[in-house]
Amino acid sequence: MEKRVGFIGIIISDRKNAAEKVNSILSEFGAIIVARTGIPYHTRNVCVITLVVDATTDEIGSLTGRLGTIKGVTVKSGVSRK
């Protein structure tokens, strides 16, 4: 399967309960993560993480699927056409 460049946006609204789980999953998928930024947005009481990934659509789907099962986490992604 062909790899694609993509991005994943993660919003954590329950940092106390979700951050450790999110970081654990991101560590498991570290080989496909090209870049990561994380910003606590105190005004809205959320944390925002942006990832740049280089992976197959299956790998991206697996990562976003696992993250999406965590309570207090919202995930969206997009990939290049080629």
C-alpha atoms as a PDB file:
ATOM      1  CA  MET A   1       0.000   0.000   0.000  1.00  0.00           C
ATOM      2  CA  GLU A   2       1.266   3.473  -0.895  1.00  0.00           C
ATOM      3  CA  LYS A   3       2.226   5.934   1.826  1.00  0.00           C
ATOM      4  CA  ARG A   4       0.764   9.425   1.857  1.00  0.00           C
ATOM      5  CA  VAL A   5       1.566  12.642   3.647  1.00  0.00           C
ATOM      6  CA  GLY A   6      -1.234  13.755   5.910  1.00  0.00           C
ATOM      7  CA  PHE A   7      -2.210  15.664   9.000  1.00  0.00           C
ATOM      8  CA  ILE A   8      -4.100  14.748  12.120  1.00  0.00           C
ATOM      9  CA  GLY A   9      -5.732  17.292  14.418  1.00  0.00           C
ATOM     10  CA  ILE A  10      -6.437  16.235  17.991  1.00  0.00           C
ATOM     11  CA  ILE A  11      -8.434  18.242  20.534  1.00  0.00           C
ATOM     12  CA  ILE A  12      -8.315  17.067  24.130  1.00  0.00           C
ATOM     13  CA  SER A  13     -11.113  18.463  26.295  1.00  0.00           C
ATOM     14  CA  ASP A  14     -10.362  16.257  29.325  1.00  0.00           C
ATOM     15  CA  ARG A  15      -6.611  16.566  29.772  1.00  0.00           C
ATOM     16  CA  LYS A  16      -6.519  15.001  33.220  1.00  0.00           C
ATOM     17  CA  ASN A  17      -8.021  11.707  32.040  1.00  0.00           C
ATOM     18  CA  ALA A  18      -7.024  11.590  28.359  1.00  0.00           C
ATOM     19  CA  ALA A  19      -3.490  13.001  27.997  1.00  0.00           C
ATOM     20  CA  GLU A  20      -1.634   9.919  29.206  1.00  0.00           C
ATOM     21  CA  LYS A  21      -3.642   7.624  26.908  1.00  0.00           C
ATOM     22  CA  VAL A  22      -3.122   9.941  23.922  1.00  0.00           C
ATOM     23  CA  ASN A  23       0.630  10.141  24.516  1.00  0.00           C
ATOM     24  CA  SER A  24       0.885   6.366  24.878  1.00  0.00           C
ATOM     25  CA  ILE A  25      -0.849   5.786  21.533  1.00  0.00           C
ATOM     26  CA  LEU A  26       1.251   8.461  19.820  1.00  0.00           C
ATOM     27  CA  SER A  27       4.387   6.732  21.101  1.00  0.00           C
ATOM     28  CA  GLU A  28       3.217   3.450  19.564  1.00  0.00           C
ATOM     29  CA  PHE A  29       2.818   5.187  16.193  1.00  0.00           C
ATOM     30  CA  GLY A  30       6.022   7.236  16.498  1.00  0.00           C
ATOM     31  CA  ALA A  31       7.524   5.729  13.345  1.00  0.00           C
ATOM     32  CA  ILE A  32       4.900   7.407  11.118  1.00  0.00           C
ATOM     33  CA  ILE A  33       4.896  10.816  12.853  1.00  0.00           C
ATOM     34  CA  VAL A  34       7.032  13.391  11.026  1.00  0.00           C
ATOM     35  CA  ALA A  35       6.167  16.388  13.222  1.00  0.00           C
ATOM     36  CA  ARG A  36       4.106  17.137  16.309  1.00  0.00           C
ATOM     37  CA  THR A  37       2.995  20.380  17.908  1.00  0.00           C
ATOM     38  CA  GLY A  38       0.955  20.676  21.064  1.00  0.00           C
ATOM     39  CA  ILE A  39      -0.565  23.778  22.555  1.00  0.00           C
ATOM     40  CA  PRO A  40      -2.611  24.162  25.720  1.00  0.00           C
ATOM     41  CA  TYR A  41      -5.421  26.604  24.923  1.00  0.00           C
ATOM     42  CA  HIS A  42      -6.247  27.804  28.431  1.00  0.00           C
ATOM     43  CA  THR A  43      -8.979  30.223  27.354  1.00  0.00           C
ATOM     44  CA  ARG A  44     -11.058  27.286  26.054  1.00  0.00           C
ATOM     45  CA  ASN A  45      -9.738  24.740  28.573  1.00  0.00           C
ATOM     46  CA  VAL A  46      -8.526  22.352  25.836  1.00  0.00           C
ATOM     47  CA  CYS A  47      -5.240  21.110  24.401  1.00  0.00           C
ATOM     48  CA  VAL A  48      -4.654  21.042  20.655  1.00  0.00           C
ATOM     49  CA  ILE A  49      -2.161  18.655  19.040  1.00  0.00           C
ATOM     50  CA  THR A  50      -1.304  18.712  15.353  1.00  0.00           C
ATOM     51  CA  LEU A  51       0.576  15.860  13.705  1.00  0.00           C
ATOM     52  CA  VAL A  52       2.165  15.548  10.280  1.00  0.00           C
ATOM     53  CA  VAL A  53       2.328  11.893   9.266  1.00  0.00           C
ATOM     54  CA  ASP A  54       3.820   9.841   6.429  1.00  0.00           C
ATOM     55  CA  ALA A  55       1.871   6.593   6.381  1.00  0.00           C
ATOM     56  CA  THR A  56      -0.562   4.349   4.576  1.00  0.00           C
ATOM     57  CA  THR A  57      -4.243   5.150   4.864  1.00  0.00           C
ATOM     58  CA  ASP A  58      -4.623   2.005   6.973  1.00  0.00           C
ATOM     59  CA  GLU A  59      -1.992   3.217   9.448  1.00  0.00           C
ATOM     60  CA  ILE A  60      -3.590   6.656   9.640  1.00  0.00           C
ATOM     61  CA  GLY A  61      -7.003   5.068  10.122  1.00  0.00           C
ATOM     62  CA  SER A  62      -5.677   2.837  12.866  1.00  0.00           C
ATOM     63  CA  LEU A  63      -4.103   5.781  14.709  1.00  0.00           C
ATOM     64  CA  THR A  64      -7.137   8.040  14.425  1.00  0.00           C
ATOM     65  CA  GLY A  65      -9.479   5.185  15.300  1.00  0.00           C
ATOM     66  CA  ARG A  66      -7.606   4.392  18.511  1.00  0.00           C
ATOM     67  CA  LEU A  67      -7.450   8.052  19.499  1.00  0.00           C
ATOM     68  CA  GLY A  68     -11.137   8.517  18.733  1.00  0.00           C
ATOM     69  CA  THR A  69     -12.140   5.900  21.300  1.00  0.00           C
ATOM     70  CA  ILE A  70     -10.718   7.974  24.161  1.00  0.00           C
ATOM     71  CA  LYS A  71     -13.342   9.944  26.086  1.00  0.00           C
ATOM     72  CA  GLY A  72     -12.690  13.679  25.825  1.00  0.00           C
ATOM     73  CA  VAL A  73     -10.738  13.424  22.550  1.00  0.00           C
ATOM     74  CA  THR A  74     -11.832  14.639  19.101  1.00  0.00           C
ATOM     75  CA  VAL A  75      -9.784  13.648  16.039  1.00  0.00           C
ATOM     76  CA  LYS A  76      -9.853  14.749  12.391  1.00  0.00           C
ATOM     77  CA  SER A  77      -7.432  13.937   9.584  1.00  0.00           C
ATOM     78  CA  GLY A  78      -6.634  14.632   5.971  1.00  0.00           C
ATOM     79  CA  VAL A  79      -4.259  13.030   3.478  1.00  0.00           C
ATOM     80  CA  SER A  80      -2.605  13.979   0.205  1.00  0.00           C
ATOM     81  CA  ARG A  81      -3.936  12.469  -2.995  1.00  0.00           C
ATOM     82  CA  LYS A  82      -0.587  10.865  -3.783  1.00  0.00           C
END
